[in-house]
mmCIF file of all heavy atoms, coordinates in Angstrom:
data_MODEL
# 
_entry.id   MODEL 
# 
loop_
_atom_site.group_PDB 
_atom_site.id 
_atom_site.type_symbol 
_atom_site.label_atom_id 
_atom_site.label_alt_id 
_atom_site.label_comp_id 
_atom_site.label_asym_id 
_atom_site.label_entity_id 
_atom_site.label_seq_id 
_atom_site.pdbx_PDB_ins_code 
_atom_site.Cartn_x 
_atom_site.Cartn_y 
_atom_site.Cartn_z 
_atom_site.occupancy 
_atom_site.B_iso_or_equiv 
_atom_site.pdbx_formal_charge 
_atom_site.auth_seq_id 
_atom_site.auth_comp_id 
_atom_site.auth_asym_id 
_atom_site.auth_atom_id 
_atom_site.pdbx_PDB_model_num 
ATOM 1   N N   . ALA A 1 1  ? 0.828   -1.152 0.002  1.00 0.00 ? 1  ALA A N   1 
ATOM 2   C CA  . ALA A 1 1  ? -0.071  0.010  -0.016 1.00 0.00 ? 1  ALA A CA  1 
ATOM 3   C C   . ALA A 1 1  ? 0.812   1.216  -0.030 1.00 0.00 ? 1  ALA A C   1 
ATOM 4   O O   . ALA A 1 1  ? 0.585   2.227  -0.698 1.00 0.00 ? 1  ALA A O   1 
ATOM 5   C CB  . ALA A 1 1  ? -0.902  -0.005 1.192  1.00 0.00 ? 1  ALA A CB  1 
ATOM 6   N N   . LEU A 1 2  ? 1.903   1.297  0.775  1.00 0.00 ? 2  LEU A N   1 
ATOM 7   C CA  . LEU A 1 2  ? 2.835   2.420  0.808  1.00 0.00 ? 2  LEU A CA  1 
ATOM 8   C C   . LEU A 1 2  ? 3.488   2.710  -0.597 1.00 0.00 ? 2  LEU A C   1 
ATOM 9   O O   . LEU A 1 2  ? 3.593   3.815  -0.960 1.00 0.00 ? 2  LEU A O   1 
ATOM 10  C CB  . LEU A 1 2  ? 3.949   2.093  1.790  1.00 0.00 ? 2  LEU A CB  1 
ATOM 11  C CG  . LEU A 1 2  ? 3.521   2.195  3.359  1.00 0.00 ? 2  LEU A CG  1 
ATOM 12  C CD1 . LEU A 1 2  ? 4.536   1.733  4.143  1.00 0.00 ? 2  LEU A CD1 1 
ATOM 13  C CD2 . LEU A 1 2  ? 3.123   3.562  3.798  1.00 0.00 ? 2  LEU A CD2 1 
ATOM 14  N N   . LEU A 1 3  ? 3.818   1.548  -1.210 1.00 0.00 ? 3  LEU A N   1 
ATOM 15  C CA  . LEU A 1 3  ? 4.402   1.748  -2.560 1.00 0.00 ? 3  LEU A CA  1 
ATOM 16  C C   . LEU A 1 3  ? 3.446   2.194  -3.591 1.00 0.00 ? 3  LEU A C   1 
ATOM 17  O O   . LEU A 1 3  ? 3.813   2.759  -4.684 1.00 0.00 ? 3  LEU A O   1 
ATOM 18  C CB  . LEU A 1 3  ? 4.975   0.297  -3.067 1.00 0.00 ? 3  LEU A CB  1 
ATOM 19  C CG  . LEU A 1 3  ? 6.278   -0.046 -2.212 1.00 0.00 ? 3  LEU A CG  1 
ATOM 20  C CD1 . LEU A 1 3  ? 6.710   -1.522 -2.750 1.00 0.00 ? 3  LEU A CD1 1 
ATOM 21  C CD2 . LEU A 1 3  ? 7.360   0.971  -2.449 1.00 0.00 ? 3  LEU A CD2 1 
ATOM 22  N N   . CYS A 1 4  ? 2.142   2.100  -3.328 1.00 0.00 ? 4  CYS A N   1 
ATOM 23  C CA  . CYS A 1 4  ? 1.066   2.641  -4.256 1.00 0.00 ? 4  CYS A CA  1 
ATOM 24  C C   . CYS A 1 4  ? 1.302   4.248  -4.225 1.00 0.00 ? 4  CYS A C   1 
ATOM 25  O O   . CYS A 1 4  ? 0.798   4.845  -5.199 1.00 0.00 ? 4  CYS A O   1 
ATOM 26  C CB  . CYS A 1 4  ? -0.287  2.207  -3.825 1.00 0.00 ? 4  CYS A CB  1 
ATOM 27  S SG  . CYS A 1 4  ? -0.583  0.529  -4.218 1.00 0.00 ? 4  CYS A SG  1 
ATOM 28  N N   . HIS A 1 5  ? 1.733   4.735  -3.146 1.00 0.00 ? 5  HIS A N   1 
ATOM 29  C CA  . HIS A 1 5  ? 1.943   6.353  -3.102 1.00 0.00 ? 5  HIS A CA  1 
ATOM 30  C C   . HIS A 1 5  ? 3.330   6.623  -3.571 1.00 0.00 ? 5  HIS A C   1 
ATOM 31  O O   . HIS A 1 5  ? 4.000   7.243  -2.856 1.00 0.00 ? 5  HIS A O   1 
ATOM 32  C CB  . HIS A 1 5  ? 1.671   6.745  -1.630 1.00 0.00 ? 5  HIS A CB  1 
ATOM 33  C CG  . HIS A 1 5  ? 0.278   6.629  -1.277 1.00 0.00 ? 5  HIS A CG  1 
ATOM 34  N ND1 . HIS A 1 5  ? -0.853  7.445  -1.629 1.00 0.00 ? 5  HIS A ND1 1 
ATOM 35  C CD2 . HIS A 1 5  ? -0.306  5.612  -0.330 1.00 0.00 ? 5  HIS A CD2 1 
ATOM 36  C CE1 . HIS A 1 5  ? -1.953  6.956  -1.119 1.00 0.00 ? 5  HIS A CE1 1 
ATOM 37  N NE2 . HIS A 1 5  ? -1.665  5.787  -0.388 1.00 0.00 ? 5  HIS A NE2 1 
ATOM 38  N N   . ALA A 1 6  ? 3.563   6.292  -4.827 1.00 0.00 ? 6  ALA A N   1 
ATOM 39  C CA  . ALA A 1 6  ? 4.921   6.471  -5.369 1.00 0.00 ? 6  ALA A CA  1 
ATOM 40  C C   . ALA A 1 6  ? 5.298   7.938  -5.425 1.00 0.00 ? 6  ALA A C   1 
ATOM 41  O O   . ALA A 1 6  ? 6.483   8.256  -5.263 1.00 0.00 ? 6  ALA A O   1 
ATOM 42  C CB  . ALA A 1 6  ? 5.029   5.751  -6.831 1.00 0.00 ? 6  ALA A CB  1 
ATOM 43  N N   . SER A 1 7  ? 4.358   8.835  -5.688 1.00 0.00 ? 7  SER A N   1 
ATOM 44  C CA  . SER A 1 7  ? 4.743   10.219 -5.795 1.00 0.00 ? 7  SER A CA  1 
ATOM 45  C C   . SER A 1 7  ? 5.167   10.836 -4.472 1.00 0.00 ? 7  SER A C   1 
ATOM 46  O O   . SER A 1 7  ? 5.901   11.899 -4.428 1.00 0.00 ? 7  SER A O   1 
ATOM 47  C CB  . SER A 1 7  ? 3.446   11.003 -6.291 1.00 0.00 ? 7  SER A CB  1 
ATOM 48  O OG  . SER A 1 7  ? 2.460   11.079 -5.334 1.00 0.00 ? 7  SER A OG  1 
ATOM 49  N N   . GLN A 1 8  ? 4.907   10.130 -3.343 1.00 0.00 ? 8  GLN A N   1 
ATOM 50  C CA  . GLN A 1 8  ? 5.264   10.571 -2.099 1.00 0.00 ? 8  GLN A CA  1 
ATOM 51  C C   . GLN A 1 8  ? 6.628   9.995  -1.545 1.00 0.00 ? 8  GLN A C   1 
ATOM 52  O O   . GLN A 1 8  ? 7.134   10.494 -0.502 1.00 0.00 ? 8  GLN A O   1 
ATOM 53  C CB  . GLN A 1 8  ? 4.277   10.275 -0.938 1.00 0.00 ? 8  GLN A CB  1 
ATOM 54  C CG  . GLN A 1 8  ? 2.829   10.895 -1.460 1.00 0.00 ? 8  GLN A CG  1 
ATOM 55  C CD  . GLN A 1 8  ? 3.007   12.346 -1.776 1.00 0.00 ? 8  GLN A CD  1 
ATOM 56  O OE1 . GLN A 1 8  ? 3.275   13.252 -1.059 1.00 0.00 ? 8  GLN A OE1 1 
ATOM 57  N NE2 . GLN A 1 8  ? 2.669   12.683 -3.127 1.00 0.00 ? 8  GLN A NE2 1 
ATOM 58  N N   . GLN A 1 9  ? 7.181   9.186  -2.384 1.00 0.00 ? 9  GLN A N   1 
ATOM 59  C CA  . GLN A 1 9  ? 8.488   8.603  -2.111 1.00 0.00 ? 9  GLN A CA  1 
ATOM 60  C C   . GLN A 1 9  ? 8.573   7.989  -0.652 1.00 0.00 ? 9  GLN A C   1 
ATOM 61  O O   . GLN A 1 9  ? 9.377   8.222  0.128  1.00 0.00 ? 9  GLN A O   1 
ATOM 62  C CB  . GLN A 1 9  ? 9.606   9.569  -2.277 1.00 0.00 ? 9  GLN A CB  1 
ATOM 63  C CG  . GLN A 1 9  ? 9.671   10.163 -3.761 1.00 0.00 ? 9  GLN A CG  1 
ATOM 64  C CD  . GLN A 1 9  ? 10.755  11.169 -3.961 1.00 0.00 ? 9  GLN A CD  1 
ATOM 65  O OE1 . GLN A 1 9  ? 11.815  11.024 -3.292 1.00 0.00 ? 9  GLN A OE1 1 
ATOM 66  N NE2 . GLN A 1 9  ? 10.459  12.088 -4.764 1.00 0.00 ? 9  GLN A NE2 1 
ATOM 67  N N   . VAL A 1 10 ? 7.615   7.187  -0.315 1.00 0.00 ? 10 VAL A N   1 
ATOM 68  C CA  . VAL A 1 10 ? 7.555   6.457  1.042  1.00 0.00 ? 10 VAL A CA  1 
ATOM 69  C C   . VAL A 1 10 ? 8.377   5.300  0.893  1.00 0.00 ? 10 VAL A C   1 
ATOM 70  O O   . VAL A 1 10 ? 7.988   4.211  0.321  1.00 0.00 ? 10 VAL A O   1 
ATOM 71  C CB  . VAL A 1 10 ? 6.051   6.222  1.404  1.00 0.00 ? 10 VAL A CB  1 
ATOM 72  C CG1 . VAL A 1 10 ? 6.104   5.613  2.752  1.00 0.00 ? 10 VAL A CG1 1 
ATOM 73  C CG2 . VAL A 1 10 ? 5.216   7.456  1.412  1.00 0.00 ? 10 VAL A CG2 1 
ATOM 74  N N   . HIS A 1 11 ? 9.555   5.263  1.548  1.00 0.00 ? 11 HIS A N   1 
ATOM 75  C CA  . HIS A 1 11 ? 10.364  4.077  1.422  1.00 0.00 ? 11 HIS A CA  1 
ATOM 76  C C   . HIS A 1 11 ? 10.855  3.821  2.875  1.00 0.00 ? 11 HIS A C   1 
ATOM 77  O O   . HIS A 1 11 ? 10.672  4.540  3.869  1.00 0.00 ? 11 HIS A O   1 
ATOM 78  C CB  . HIS A 1 11 ? 11.571  4.504  0.535  1.00 0.00 ? 11 HIS A CB  1 
ATOM 79  C CG  . HIS A 1 11 ? 11.256  4.894  -0.805 1.00 0.00 ? 11 HIS A CG  1 
ATOM 80  N ND1 . HIS A 1 11 ? 10.595  3.993  -1.683 1.00 0.00 ? 11 HIS A ND1 1 
ATOM 81  C CD2 . HIS A 1 11 ? 11.521  5.981  -1.483 1.00 0.00 ? 11 HIS A CD2 1 
ATOM 82  C CE1 . HIS A 1 11 ? 10.305  4.584  -2.854 1.00 0.00 ? 11 HIS A CE1 1 
ATOM 83  N NE2 . HIS A 1 11 ? 10.852  5.839  -2.737 1.00 0.00 ? 11 HIS A NE2 1 
ATOM 84  N N   . GLY A 1 12 ? 11.642  2.647  2.965  1.00 0.00 ? 12 GLY A N   1 
ATOM 85  C CA  . GLY A 1 12 ? 12.275  2.329  4.141  1.00 0.00 ? 12 GLY A CA  1 
ATOM 86  C C   . GLY A 1 12 ? 11.502  1.450  5.109  1.00 0.00 ? 12 GLY A C   1 
ATOM 87  O O   . GLY A 1 12 ? 10.351  1.196  4.792  1.00 0.00 ? 12 GLY A O   1 
ATOM 88  N N   . PRO A 1 13 ? 12.088  1.067  6.185  1.00 0.00 ? 13 PRO A N   1 
ATOM 89  C CA  . PRO A 1 13 ? 11.365  0.300  7.127  1.00 0.00 ? 13 PRO A CA  1 
ATOM 90  C C   . PRO A 1 13 ? 10.201  0.845  7.950  1.00 0.00 ? 13 PRO A C   1 
ATOM 91  O O   . PRO A 1 13 ? 10.266  2.104  8.069  1.00 0.00 ? 13 PRO A O   1 
ATOM 92  C CB  . PRO A 1 13 ? 12.448  -0.300 8.128  1.00 0.00 ? 13 PRO A CB  1 
ATOM 93  C CG  . PRO A 1 13 ? 13.427  0.868  8.089  1.00 0.00 ? 13 PRO A CG  1 
ATOM 94  C CD  . PRO A 1 13 ? 13.418  1.311  6.703  1.00 0.00 ? 13 PRO A CD  1 
ATOM 95  N N   . PHE A 1 14 ? 9.236   0.131  8.477  1.00 0.00 ? 14 PHE A N   1 
ATOM 96  C CA  . PHE A 1 14 ? 8.204   0.707  9.313  1.00 0.00 ? 14 PHE A CA  1 
ATOM 97  C C   . PHE A 1 14 ? 7.997   -0.161 10.429 1.00 0.00 ? 14 PHE A C   1 
ATOM 98  O O   . PHE A 1 14 ? 8.403   -1.432 10.470 1.00 0.00 ? 14 PHE A O   1 
ATOM 99  C CB  . PHE A 1 14 ? 6.977   0.961  8.606  1.00 0.00 ? 14 PHE A CB  1 
ATOM 100 C CG  . PHE A 1 14 ? 6.466   -0.244 7.792  1.00 0.00 ? 14 PHE A CG  1 
ATOM 101 C CD1 . PHE A 1 14 ? 5.598   -1.202 8.495  1.00 0.00 ? 14 PHE A CD1 1 
ATOM 102 C CD2 . PHE A 1 14 ? 6.654   -0.472 6.486  1.00 0.00 ? 14 PHE A CD2 1 
ATOM 103 C CE1 . PHE A 1 14 ? 5.229   -2.340 7.779  1.00 0.00 ? 14 PHE A CE1 1 
ATOM 104 C CE2 . PHE A 1 14 ? 6.358   -1.571 5.791  1.00 0.00 ? 14 PHE A CE2 1 
ATOM 105 C CZ  . PHE A 1 14 ? 5.480   -2.588 6.521  1.00 0.00 ? 14 PHE A CZ  1 
ATOM 106 N N   . ALA A 1 15 ? 7.321   0.283  11.529 1.00 0.00 ? 15 ALA A N   1 
ATOM 107 C CA  . ALA A 1 15 ? 7.174   -0.530 12.776 1.00 0.00 ? 15 ALA A CA  1 
ATOM 108 C C   . ALA A 1 15 ? 6.216   -1.543 12.524 1.00 0.00 ? 15 ALA A C   1 
ATOM 109 O O   . ALA A 1 15 ? 5.141   -1.332 11.782 1.00 0.00 ? 15 ALA A O   1 
ATOM 110 C CB  . ALA A 1 15 ? 6.661   0.533  13.802 1.00 0.00 ? 15 ALA A CB  1 
ATOM 111 N N   . LEU A 1 16 ? 6.417   -2.741 13.096 1.00 0.00 ? 16 LEU A N   1 
ATOM 112 C CA  . LEU A 1 16 ? 5.526   -3.830 12.968 1.00 0.00 ? 16 LEU A CA  1 
ATOM 113 C C   . LEU A 1 16 ? 4.479   -3.800 14.129 1.00 0.00 ? 16 LEU A C   1 
ATOM 114 O O   . LEU A 1 16 ? 3.748   -4.638 14.281 1.00 0.00 ? 16 LEU A O   1 
ATOM 115 C CB  . LEU A 1 16 ? 6.226   -5.072 12.933 1.00 0.00 ? 16 LEU A CB  1 
ATOM 116 C CG  . LEU A 1 16 ? 7.286   -5.248 11.812 1.00 0.00 ? 16 LEU A CG  1 
ATOM 117 C CD1 . LEU A 1 16 ? 8.041   -6.639 11.997 1.00 0.00 ? 16 LEU A CD1 1 
ATOM 118 C CD2 . LEU A 1 16 ? 6.564   -5.211 10.458 1.00 0.00 ? 16 LEU A CD2 1 
ATOM 119 N N   . LEU A 1 17 ? 4.508   -2.814 14.914 1.00 0.00 ? 17 LEU A N   1 
ATOM 120 C CA  . LEU A 1 17 ? 3.363   -2.604 15.905 1.00 0.00 ? 17 LEU A CA  1 
ATOM 121 C C   . LEU A 1 17 ? 2.889   -1.234 15.697 1.00 0.00 ? 17 LEU A C   1 
ATOM 122 O O   . LEU A 1 17 ? 3.551   -0.161 15.376 1.00 0.00 ? 17 LEU A O   1 
ATOM 123 C CB  . LEU A 1 17 ? 4.062   -2.555 17.299 1.00 0.00 ? 17 LEU A CB  1 
ATOM 124 C CG  . LEU A 1 17 ? 4.641   -3.878 17.764 1.00 0.00 ? 17 LEU A CG  1 
ATOM 125 C CD1 . LEU A 1 17 ? 5.308   -3.742 19.175 1.00 0.00 ? 17 LEU A CD1 1 
ATOM 126 C CD2 . LEU A 1 17 ? 3.660   -4.962 17.809 1.00 0.00 ? 17 LEU A CD2 1 
ATOM 127 N N   . GLU A 1 18 ? 1.532   -1.092 15.668 1.00 0.00 ? 18 GLU A N   1 
ATOM 128 C CA  . GLU A 1 18 ? 0.896   0.250  15.571 1.00 0.00 ? 18 GLU A CA  1 
ATOM 129 C C   . GLU A 1 18 ? 0.168   0.546  16.947 1.00 0.00 ? 18 GLU A C   1 
ATOM 130 O O   . GLU A 1 18 ? -0.568  -0.335 17.446 1.00 0.00 ? 18 GLU A O   1 
ATOM 131 C CB  . GLU A 1 18 ? -0.265  0.277  14.445 1.00 0.00 ? 18 GLU A CB  1 
ATOM 132 C CG  . GLU A 1 18 ? 0.277   0.263  13.059 1.00 0.00 ? 18 GLU A CG  1 
ATOM 133 C CD  . GLU A 1 18 ? -0.730  0.346  11.996 1.00 0.00 ? 18 GLU A CD  1 
ATOM 134 O OE1 . GLU A 1 18 ? -1.902  0.287  12.285 1.00 0.00 ? 18 GLU A OE1 1 
ATOM 135 O OE2 . GLU A 1 18 ? -0.356  0.326  10.833 1.00 0.00 ? 18 GLU A OE2 1 
ATOM 136 N N   . HIS A 1 19 ? 0.387   1.655  17.373 1.00 0.00 ? 19 HIS A N   1 
ATOM 137 C CA  . HIS A 1 19 ? -0.083  2.163  18.680 1.00 0.00 ? 19 HIS A CA  1 
ATOM 138 C C   . HIS A 1 19 ? -1.207  3.269  18.583 1.00 0.00 ? 19 HIS A C   1 
ATOM 139 O O   . HIS A 1 19 ? -1.169  3.944  17.800 1.00 0.00 ? 19 HIS A O   1 
ATOM 140 C CB  . HIS A 1 19 ? 1.107   2.816  19.487 1.00 0.00 ? 19 HIS A CB  1 
ATOM 141 C CG  . HIS A 1 19 ? 2.256   1.918  19.670 1.00 0.00 ? 19 HIS A CG  1 
ATOM 142 N ND1 . HIS A 1 19 ? 2.196   0.873  20.672 1.00 0.00 ? 19 HIS A ND1 1 
ATOM 143 C CD2 . HIS A 1 19 ? 3.466   1.795  19.117 1.00 0.00 ? 19 HIS A CD2 1 
ATOM 144 C CE1 . HIS A 1 19 ? 3.429   0.280  20.562 1.00 0.00 ? 19 HIS A CE1 1 
ATOM 145 N NE2 . HIS A 1 19 ? 4.139   0.865  19.724 1.00 0.00 ? 19 HIS A NE2 1 
ATOM 146 N N   . TYR A 1 20 ? -2.158  3.022  19.494 1.00 0.00 ? 20 TYR A N   1 
ATOM 147 C CA  . TYR A 1 20 ? -3.322  3.819  19.529 1.00 0.00 ? 20 TYR A CA  1 
ATOM 148 C C   . TYR A 1 20 ? -3.663  4.315  20.843 1.00 0.00 ? 20 TYR A C   1 
ATOM 149 O O   . TYR A 1 20 ? -3.402  3.618  21.895 1.00 0.00 ? 20 TYR A O   1 
ATOM 150 C CB  . TYR A 1 20 ? -4.533  3.057  18.823 1.00 0.00 ? 20 TYR A CB  1 
ATOM 151 C CG  . TYR A 1 20 ? -4.371  2.716  17.465 1.00 0.00 ? 20 TYR A CG  1 
ATOM 152 C CD1 . TYR A 1 20 ? -3.672  1.533  17.120 1.00 0.00 ? 20 TYR A CD1 1 
ATOM 153 C CD2 . TYR A 1 20 ? -4.785  3.636  16.447 1.00 0.00 ? 20 TYR A CD2 1 
ATOM 154 C CE1 . TYR A 1 20 ? -3.574  1.250  15.725 1.00 0.00 ? 20 TYR A CE1 1 
ATOM 155 C CE2 . TYR A 1 20 ? -4.625  3.305  15.099 1.00 0.00 ? 20 TYR A CE2 1 
ATOM 156 C CZ  . TYR A 1 20 ? -3.951  2.094  14.752 1.00 0.00 ? 20 TYR A CZ  1 
ATOM 157 O OH  . TYR A 1 20 ? -3.799  1.755  13.403 1.00 0.00 ? 20 TYR A OH  1 
ATOM 158 N N   . PHE A 1 21 ? -4.217  5.418  20.975 1.00 0.00 ? 21 PHE A N   1 
ATOM 159 C CA  . PHE A 1 21 ? -4.760  5.939  22.231 1.00 0.00 ? 21 PHE A CA  1 
ATOM 160 C C   . PHE A 1 21 ? -6.145  5.943  22.241 1.00 0.00 ? 21 PHE A C   1 
ATOM 161 O O   . PHE A 1 21 ? -6.850  6.512  21.271 1.00 0.00 ? 21 PHE A O   1 
ATOM 162 C CB  . PHE A 1 21 ? -4.244  7.547  22.479 1.00 0.00 ? 21 PHE A CB  1 
ATOM 163 C CG  . PHE A 1 21 ? -4.868  8.134  23.579 1.00 0.00 ? 21 PHE A CG  1 
ATOM 164 C CD1 . PHE A 1 21 ? -4.585  7.975  24.911 1.00 0.00 ? 21 PHE A CD1 1 
ATOM 165 C CD2 . PHE A 1 21 ? -5.848  9.133  23.286 1.00 0.00 ? 21 PHE A CD2 1 
ATOM 166 C CE1 . PHE A 1 21 ? -5.248  8.581  26.000 1.00 0.00 ? 21 PHE A CE1 1 
ATOM 167 C CE2 . PHE A 1 21 ? -6.522  9.774  24.318 1.00 0.00 ? 21 PHE A CE2 1 
ATOM 168 C CZ  . PHE A 1 21 ? -6.095  9.526  25.669 1.00 0.00 ? 21 PHE A CZ  1 
ATOM 169 N N   . ARG A 1 22 ? -6.827  5.404  23.189 1.00 0.00 ? 22 ARG A N   1 
ATOM 170 C CA  . ARG A 1 22 ? -8.287  5.240  23.285 1.00 0.00 ? 22 ARG A CA  1 
ATOM 171 C C   . ARG A 1 22 ? -8.883  6.444  23.822 1.00 0.00 ? 22 ARG A C   1 
ATOM 172 O O   . ARG A 1 22 ? -8.756  6.765  24.923 1.00 0.00 ? 22 ARG A O   1 
ATOM 173 C CB  . ARG A 1 22 ? -8.646  4.028  24.120 1.00 0.00 ? 22 ARG A CB  1 
ATOM 174 C CG  . ARG A 1 22 ? -10.049 3.594  23.843 1.00 0.00 ? 22 ARG A CG  1 
ATOM 175 C CD  . ARG A 1 22 ? -10.367 2.280  24.553 1.00 0.00 ? 22 ARG A CD  1 
ATOM 176 N NE  . ARG A 1 22 ? -10.439 2.382  26.020 1.00 0.00 ? 22 ARG A NE  1 
ATOM 177 C CZ  . ARG A 1 22 ? -10.610 1.316  26.762 1.00 0.00 ? 22 ARG A CZ  1 
ATOM 178 N NH1 . ARG A 1 22 ? -10.604 0.158  26.288 1.00 0.00 ? 22 ARG A NH1 1 
ATOM 179 N NH2 . ARG A 1 22 ? -10.646 1.514  28.066 1.00 0.00 ? 22 ARG A NH2 1 
ATOM 180 N N   . ALA A 1 23 ? -9.494  7.254  22.964 1.00 0.00 ? 23 ALA A N   1 
ATOM 181 C CA  . ALA A 1 23 ? -9.955  8.579  23.239 1.00 0.00 ? 23 ALA A CA  1 
ATOM 182 C C   . ALA A 1 23 ? -11.324 8.590  23.790 1.00 0.00 ? 23 ALA A C   1 
ATOM 183 O O   . ALA A 1 23 ? -11.708 9.456  24.673 1.00 0.00 ? 23 ALA A O   1 
ATOM 184 C CB  . ALA A 1 23 ? -9.874  9.636  22.020 1.00 0.00 ? 23 ALA A CB  1 
ATOM 185 N N   . LEU A 1 24 ? -12.217 7.653  23.205 1.00 0.00 ? 24 LEU A N   1 
ATOM 186 C CA  . LEU A 1 24 ? -13.551 7.630  23.681 1.00 0.00 ? 24 LEU A CA  1 
ATOM 187 C C   . LEU A 1 24 ? -13.859 6.085  23.810 1.00 0.00 ? 24 LEU A C   1 
ATOM 188 O O   . LEU A 1 24 ? -13.426 5.310  22.943 1.00 0.00 ? 24 LEU A O   1 
ATOM 189 C CB  . LEU A 1 24 ? -14.485 8.248  22.691 1.00 0.00 ? 24 LEU A CB  1 
ATOM 190 C CG  . LEU A 1 24 ? -14.350 9.728  22.700 1.00 0.00 ? 24 LEU A CG  1 
ATOM 191 C CD1 . LEU A 1 24 ? -15.190 10.258 21.426 1.00 0.00 ? 24 LEU A CD1 1 
ATOM 192 C CD2 . LEU A 1 24 ? -14.668 10.489 23.789 1.00 0.00 ? 24 LEU A CD2 1 
ATOM 193 N N   . ASP A 1 25 ? -14.644 5.673  24.808 1.00 0.00 ? 25 ASP A N   1 
ATOM 194 C CA  . ASP A 1 25 ? -14.928 4.246  25.060 1.00 0.00 ? 25 ASP A CA  1 
ATOM 195 C C   . ASP A 1 25 ? -16.245 4.014  25.622 1.00 0.00 ? 25 ASP A C   1 
ATOM 196 O O   . ASP A 1 25 ? -16.555 4.839  26.650 1.00 0.00 ? 25 ASP A O   1 
ATOM 197 C CB  . ASP A 1 25 ? -13.863 3.540  25.695 1.00 0.00 ? 25 ASP A CB  1 
ATOM 198 C CG  . ASP A 1 25 ? -14.087 2.138  26.057 1.00 0.00 ? 25 ASP A CG  1 
ATOM 199 O OD1 . ASP A 1 25 ? -14.355 1.373  25.316 1.00 0.00 ? 25 ASP A OD1 1 
ATOM 200 O OD2 . ASP A 1 25 ? -14.303 1.827  27.416 1.00 0.00 ? 25 ASP A OD2 1 
ATOM 201 N N   . THR A 1 26 ? -17.041 3.078  25.287 1.00 0.00 ? 26 THR A N   1 
ATOM 202 C CA  . THR A 1 26 ? -18.293 2.804  26.061 1.00 0.00 ? 26 THR A CA  1 
ATOM 203 C C   . THR A 1 26 ? -18.326 1.261  26.491 1.00 0.00 ? 26 THR A C   1 
ATOM 204 O O   . THR A 1 26 ? -19.319 0.962  27.207 1.00 0.00 ? 26 THR A O   1 
ATOM 205 C CB  . THR A 1 26 ? -19.487 3.012  25.173 1.00 0.00 ? 26 THR A CB  1 
ATOM 206 O OG1 . THR A 1 26 ? -19.467 2.051  24.095 1.00 0.00 ? 26 THR A OG1 1 
ATOM 207 C CG2 . THR A 1 26 ? -19.667 4.302  24.716 1.00 0.00 ? 26 THR A CG2 1 
ATOM 208 N N   . THR A 1 27 ? -17.244 0.675  26.203 1.00 0.00 ? 27 THR A N   1 
ATOM 209 C CA  . THR A 1 27 ? -17.200 -0.859 26.607 1.00 0.00 ? 27 THR A CA  1 
ATOM 210 C C   . THR A 1 27 ? -16.780 -1.109 28.043 1.00 0.00 ? 27 THR A C   1 
ATOM 211 O O   . THR A 1 27 ? -17.106 -2.152 28.603 1.00 0.00 ? 27 THR A O   1 
ATOM 212 C CB  . THR A 1 27 ? -16.279 -1.608 25.690 1.00 0.00 ? 27 THR A CB  1 
ATOM 213 O OG1 . THR A 1 27 ? -14.915 -1.329 25.823 1.00 0.00 ? 27 THR A OG1 1 
ATOM 214 C CG2 . THR A 1 27 ? -16.675 -1.373 24.228 1.00 0.00 ? 27 THR A CG2 1 
ATOM 215 N N   . GLY A 1 28 ? -15.868 -0.248 28.493 1.00 0.00 ? 28 GLY A N   1 
ATOM 216 C CA  . GLY A 1 28 ? -15.349 -0.484 29.780 1.00 0.00 ? 28 GLY A CA  1 
ATOM 217 C C   . GLY A 1 28 ? -14.185 -1.520 29.881 1.00 0.00 ? 28 GLY A C   1 
ATOM 218 O O   . GLY A 1 28 ? -13.816 -1.880 31.003 1.00 0.00 ? 28 GLY A O   1 
# 
C-alpha cells in the first residue's frame, strides 16, 4: 500500500506494531 503512493516517495522500514490512544470508549 505504501508503494502505491509512489509520488510521495515513501520508502524504508516501518514499525510492526501500531499504537493507538483510546480517546472515547463505552465498553469499559
